Every structure is written in structure tokens, then in C-alpha cells.
Amino acid sequence: MDTVPIHEAKSTLSQLVKRAAGGEIILIGENGKPEAVLTSVIKLKPRKRIGLLAGKLSVPDDFDAPLPDDVLQGFMGGK
């Protein structure tokens, strides 16, 4: 992440604000040393990653089969 010089930041502030509003963190300083951070005040929602677990999970064929009697008894409090 590069540091934007203060003079450049003053002349391009509106562009830097748009970048920050888009989620980018802008460092501002002198001589390559960051002295301030420009960031958005609005929290962006994280992008949903569709298909993240594709191929990593499997559903057994008997997934919806009735439960065994001993397991059902456990849900009924042993009755």
C-alpha cells in the first residue's frame, strides 16, 4: 500500500474520497511515511462467495430416512 503525499492528497481529495468510499484504505503522509489514514465511515458488506464449498460437502443417500428408535427415544427424554 503506497502512501499518497500530502500535497497530492490536497489536489486529488475528491478522487481519494471516492476510492475510500469504495472500500480502499488510503495512507497520506510525507517522504513515504504514513501520517494519516483515509477510510470510509460506511461499513461495506462482505461479498458473498457463492460456491465456496462446492465439491467439499456431500449429503448421504439416507439423509431423510427415519431415525433409529434409540435416537428418537433420546429426543423424547427416554420415554
N, C-alpha and C. Protein backbone atom coordinates (compact mmCIF):
# COMPACT_ATOMS: atom_id res chain seq x y z
N MET A 1 0.86 -1.17 0.00
CA MET A 1 0.00 0.00 0.00
C MET A 1 0.90 1.23 0.00
N ASP A 2 0.76 2.06 -1.02
CA ASP A 2 1.58 3.26 -1.14
C ASP A 2 1.01 4.40 -0.32
N THR A 3 1.88 5.30 0.07
CA THR A 3 1.48 6.49 0.80
C THR A 3 1.35 7.65 -0.18
N VAL A 4 0.20 8.32 -0.16
CA VAL A 4 -0.04 9.47 -1.02
C VAL A 4 0.56 10.70 -0.34
N PRO A 5 1.41 11.46 -1.07
CA PRO A 5 1.96 12.68 -0.47
C PRO A 5 0.86 13.69 -0.13
N ILE A 6 1.06 14.46 0.91
CA ILE A 6 0.04 15.40 1.39
C ILE A 6 -0.36 16.39 0.31
N HIS A 7 0.59 16.94 -0.43
CA HIS A 7 0.26 17.91 -1.48
C HIS A 7 -0.62 17.26 -2.55
N GLU A 8 -0.29 16.04 -2.94
CA GLU A 8 -1.10 15.32 -3.93
C GLU A 8 -2.48 15.02 -3.37
N ALA A 9 -2.55 14.67 -2.09
CA ALA A 9 -3.84 14.36 -1.46
C ALA A 9 -4.75 15.58 -1.46
N LYS A 10 -4.16 16.78 -1.24
CA LYS A 10 -4.95 18.00 -1.25
C LYS A 10 -5.54 18.27 -2.63
N SER A 11 -4.76 18.02 -3.66
CA SER A 11 -5.23 18.33 -5.02
C SER A 11 -6.12 17.24 -5.60
N THR A 12 -6.12 16.04 -5.03
CA THR A 12 -6.94 14.94 -5.55
C THR A 12 -7.89 14.39 -4.48
N LEU A 13 -8.25 15.23 -3.52
CA LEU A 13 -9.05 14.76 -2.39
C LEU A 13 -10.35 14.09 -2.82
N SER A 14 -11.07 14.67 -3.76
CA SER A 14 -12.36 14.10 -4.15
C SER A 14 -12.17 12.69 -4.73
N GLN A 15 -11.11 12.48 -5.51
CA GLN A 15 -10.84 11.16 -6.06
C GLN A 15 -10.47 10.17 -4.95
N LEU A 16 -9.68 10.64 -4.00
CA LEU A 16 -9.28 9.77 -2.89
C LEU A 16 -10.48 9.39 -2.03
N VAL A 17 -11.40 10.34 -1.83
CA VAL A 17 -12.60 10.05 -1.05
C VAL A 17 -13.44 9.00 -1.75
N LYS A 18 -13.57 9.07 -3.06
CA LYS A 18 -14.34 8.06 -3.81
C LYS A 18 -13.69 6.69 -3.67
N ARG A 19 -12.37 6.66 -3.75
CA ARG A 19 -11.67 5.38 -3.58
C ARG A 19 -11.90 4.82 -2.18
N ALA A 20 -11.83 5.68 -1.17
CA ALA A 20 -12.06 5.24 0.21
C ALA A 20 -13.49 4.76 0.39
N ALA A 21 -14.44 5.46 -0.23
CA ALA A 21 -15.84 5.05 -0.13
C ALA A 21 -16.06 3.68 -0.76
N GLY A 22 -15.21 3.33 -1.71
CA GLY A 22 -15.29 2.02 -2.35
C GLY A 22 -14.62 0.92 -1.56
N GLY A 23 -14.08 1.24 -0.40
CA GLY A 23 -13.50 0.22 0.47
C GLY A 23 -11.98 0.25 0.56
N GLU A 24 -11.36 1.10 -0.22
CA GLU A 24 -9.89 1.18 -0.19
C GLU A 24 -9.43 2.00 1.02
N ILE A 25 -8.31 1.65 1.57
CA ILE A 25 -7.72 2.41 2.67
C ILE A 25 -6.58 3.23 2.07
N ILE A 26 -6.64 4.55 2.24
CA ILE A 26 -5.66 5.46 1.66
C ILE A 26 -4.75 5.98 2.77
N LEU A 27 -3.44 5.81 2.60
CA LEU A 27 -2.47 6.35 3.54
C LEU A 27 -1.97 7.68 3.01
N ILE A 28 -1.90 8.69 3.87
CA ILE A 28 -1.44 10.01 3.48
C ILE A 28 -0.28 10.39 4.38
N GLY A 29 0.78 10.93 3.77
CA GLY A 29 1.94 11.30 4.58
C GLY A 29 2.99 12.02 3.75
N GLU A 30 4.18 12.11 4.32
CA GLU A 30 5.29 12.75 3.64
C GLU A 30 6.50 11.84 3.65
N ASN A 31 7.30 11.94 2.60
CA ASN A 31 8.53 11.15 2.47
C ASN A 31 8.28 9.65 2.60
N GLY A 32 7.13 9.20 2.11
CA GLY A 32 6.81 7.77 2.15
C GLY A 32 6.38 7.26 3.50
N LYS A 33 6.30 8.13 4.50
CA LYS A 33 5.88 7.71 5.84
C LYS A 33 4.42 8.09 6.05
N PRO A 34 3.56 7.11 6.31
CA PRO A 34 2.14 7.43 6.52
C PRO A 34 1.93 8.20 7.82
N GLU A 35 1.11 9.23 7.73
CA GLU A 35 0.79 10.05 8.90
C GLU A 35 -0.71 10.06 9.19
N ALA A 36 -1.50 9.70 8.19
CA ALA A 36 -2.95 9.70 8.35
C ALA A 36 -3.55 8.61 7.47
N VAL A 37 -4.75 8.21 7.83
CA VAL A 37 -5.47 7.19 7.08
C VAL A 37 -6.80 7.76 6.64
N LEU A 38 -7.12 7.57 5.35
CA LEU A 38 -8.42 7.96 4.83
C LEU A 38 -9.17 6.68 4.53
N THR A 39 -10.31 6.52 5.17
CA THR A 39 -11.10 5.30 5.01
C THR A 39 -12.57 5.66 5.05
N SER A 40 -13.41 4.77 4.60
CA SER A 40 -14.85 5.01 4.57
C SER A 40 -15.45 4.89 5.96
N VAL A 41 -16.45 5.71 6.24
CA VAL A 41 -17.16 5.59 7.51
C VAL A 41 -18.29 4.58 7.39
N ILE A 42 -18.61 4.20 6.18
CA ILE A 42 -19.68 3.23 5.93
C ILE A 42 -19.05 1.84 5.84
N LYS A 43 -19.56 0.94 6.65
CA LYS A 43 -19.07 -0.44 6.62
C LYS A 43 -19.66 -1.12 5.39
N LEU A 44 -18.79 -1.62 4.53
CA LEU A 44 -19.25 -2.34 3.35
C LEU A 44 -19.54 -3.78 3.75
N LYS A 45 -20.62 -4.31 3.18
CA LYS A 45 -20.94 -5.71 3.44
C LYS A 45 -19.93 -6.58 2.71
N PRO A 46 -19.45 -7.63 3.38
CA PRO A 46 -18.52 -8.51 2.69
C PRO A 46 -19.21 -9.20 1.52
N ARG A 47 -18.48 -9.40 0.47
CA ARG A 47 -19.04 -10.07 -0.69
C ARG A 47 -19.33 -11.51 -0.35
N LYS A 48 -20.48 -11.99 -0.82
CA LYS A 48 -20.83 -13.39 -0.62
C LYS A 48 -20.07 -14.21 -1.65
N ARG A 49 -19.45 -15.24 -1.18
CA ARG A 49 -18.69 -16.09 -2.08
C ARG A 49 -19.50 -17.34 -2.37
N ILE A 50 -20.25 -17.27 -3.45
CA ILE A 50 -21.12 -18.38 -3.84
C ILE A 50 -20.25 -19.54 -4.33
N GLY A 51 -20.61 -20.72 -3.87
CA GLY A 51 -19.90 -21.92 -4.30
C GLY A 51 -18.60 -22.17 -3.57
N LEU A 52 -18.40 -21.51 -2.44
CA LEU A 52 -17.16 -21.63 -1.69
C LEU A 52 -16.87 -23.09 -1.29
N LEU A 53 -17.91 -23.84 -0.96
CA LEU A 53 -17.72 -25.23 -0.52
C LEU A 53 -18.14 -26.25 -1.58
N ALA A 54 -18.28 -25.80 -2.82
CA ALA A 54 -18.70 -26.70 -3.89
C ALA A 54 -17.73 -27.88 -3.99
N GLY A 55 -18.31 -29.09 -3.99
CA GLY A 55 -17.50 -30.29 -4.11
C GLY A 55 -16.84 -30.75 -2.83
N LYS A 56 -17.01 -30.00 -1.75
CA LYS A 56 -16.37 -30.36 -0.48
C LYS A 56 -17.34 -31.02 0.49
N LEU A 57 -18.62 -30.91 0.23
CA LEU A 57 -19.63 -31.49 1.11
C LEU A 57 -20.43 -32.53 0.33
N SER A 58 -20.93 -33.50 1.06
CA SER A 58 -21.81 -34.48 0.42
C SER A 58 -22.95 -34.82 1.37
N VAL A 59 -24.10 -35.09 0.79
CA VAL A 59 -25.28 -35.46 1.56
C VAL A 59 -25.49 -36.96 1.35
N PRO A 60 -25.52 -37.73 2.44
CA PRO A 60 -25.70 -39.18 2.27
C PRO A 60 -27.08 -39.49 1.68
N ASP A 61 -27.16 -40.62 0.99
CA ASP A 61 -28.42 -41.03 0.35
C ASP A 61 -29.55 -41.23 1.36
N ASP A 62 -29.21 -41.64 2.59
CA ASP A 62 -30.25 -41.89 3.60
C ASP A 62 -30.46 -40.68 4.52
N PHE A 63 -30.15 -39.48 4.04
CA PHE A 63 -30.24 -38.27 4.85
C PHE A 63 -31.63 -38.08 5.45
N ASP A 64 -32.67 -38.33 4.68
CA ASP A 64 -34.03 -38.10 5.16
C ASP A 64 -34.73 -39.38 5.63
N ALA A 65 -33.95 -40.42 5.88
CA ALA A 65 -34.53 -41.67 6.38
C ALA A 65 -34.95 -41.48 7.84
N PRO A 66 -35.94 -42.24 8.28
CA PRO A 66 -36.37 -42.13 9.68
C PRO A 66 -35.21 -42.46 10.63
N LEU A 67 -35.20 -41.79 11.78
CA LEU A 67 -34.16 -42.04 12.77
C LEU A 67 -34.39 -43.37 13.48
N PRO A 68 -33.32 -44.00 13.94
CA PRO A 68 -33.49 -45.24 14.71
C PRO A 68 -34.26 -44.96 16.01
N ASP A 69 -34.92 -46.01 16.53
CA ASP A 69 -35.75 -45.86 17.73
C ASP A 69 -34.97 -45.33 18.92
N ASP A 70 -33.71 -45.78 19.12
CA ASP A 70 -32.95 -45.33 20.28
C ASP A 70 -32.65 -43.84 20.18
N VAL A 71 -32.43 -43.30 19.00
CA VAL A 71 -32.18 -41.87 18.84
C VAL A 71 -33.47 -41.10 19.08
N LEU A 72 -34.58 -41.59 18.57
CA LEU A 72 -35.87 -40.93 18.81
C LEU A 72 -36.20 -40.90 20.29
N GLN A 73 -35.89 -41.97 21.02
CA GLN A 73 -36.13 -42.02 22.47
C GLN A 73 -35.31 -40.94 23.18
N GLY A 74 -34.12 -40.67 22.70
CA GLY A 74 -33.28 -39.62 23.30
C GLY A 74 -33.91 -38.24 23.17
N PHE A 75 -34.60 -38.00 22.06
CA PHE A 75 -35.29 -36.72 21.88
C PHE A 75 -36.54 -36.63 22.76
N MET A 76 -37.13 -37.78 23.09
CA MET A 76 -38.35 -37.80 23.89
C MET A 76 -38.06 -37.84 25.38
N GLY A 77 -36.81 -37.75 25.76
CA GLY A 77 -36.46 -37.76 27.17
C GLY A 77 -36.44 -39.16 27.75
N GLY A 78 -36.21 -40.16 26.91
CA GLY A 78 -36.11 -41.54 27.38
C GLY A 78 -37.43 -42.22 27.60
N LYS A 79 -38.54 -41.66 27.12
CA LYS A 79 -39.86 -42.27 27.32
C LYS A 79 -40.09 -43.44 26.40
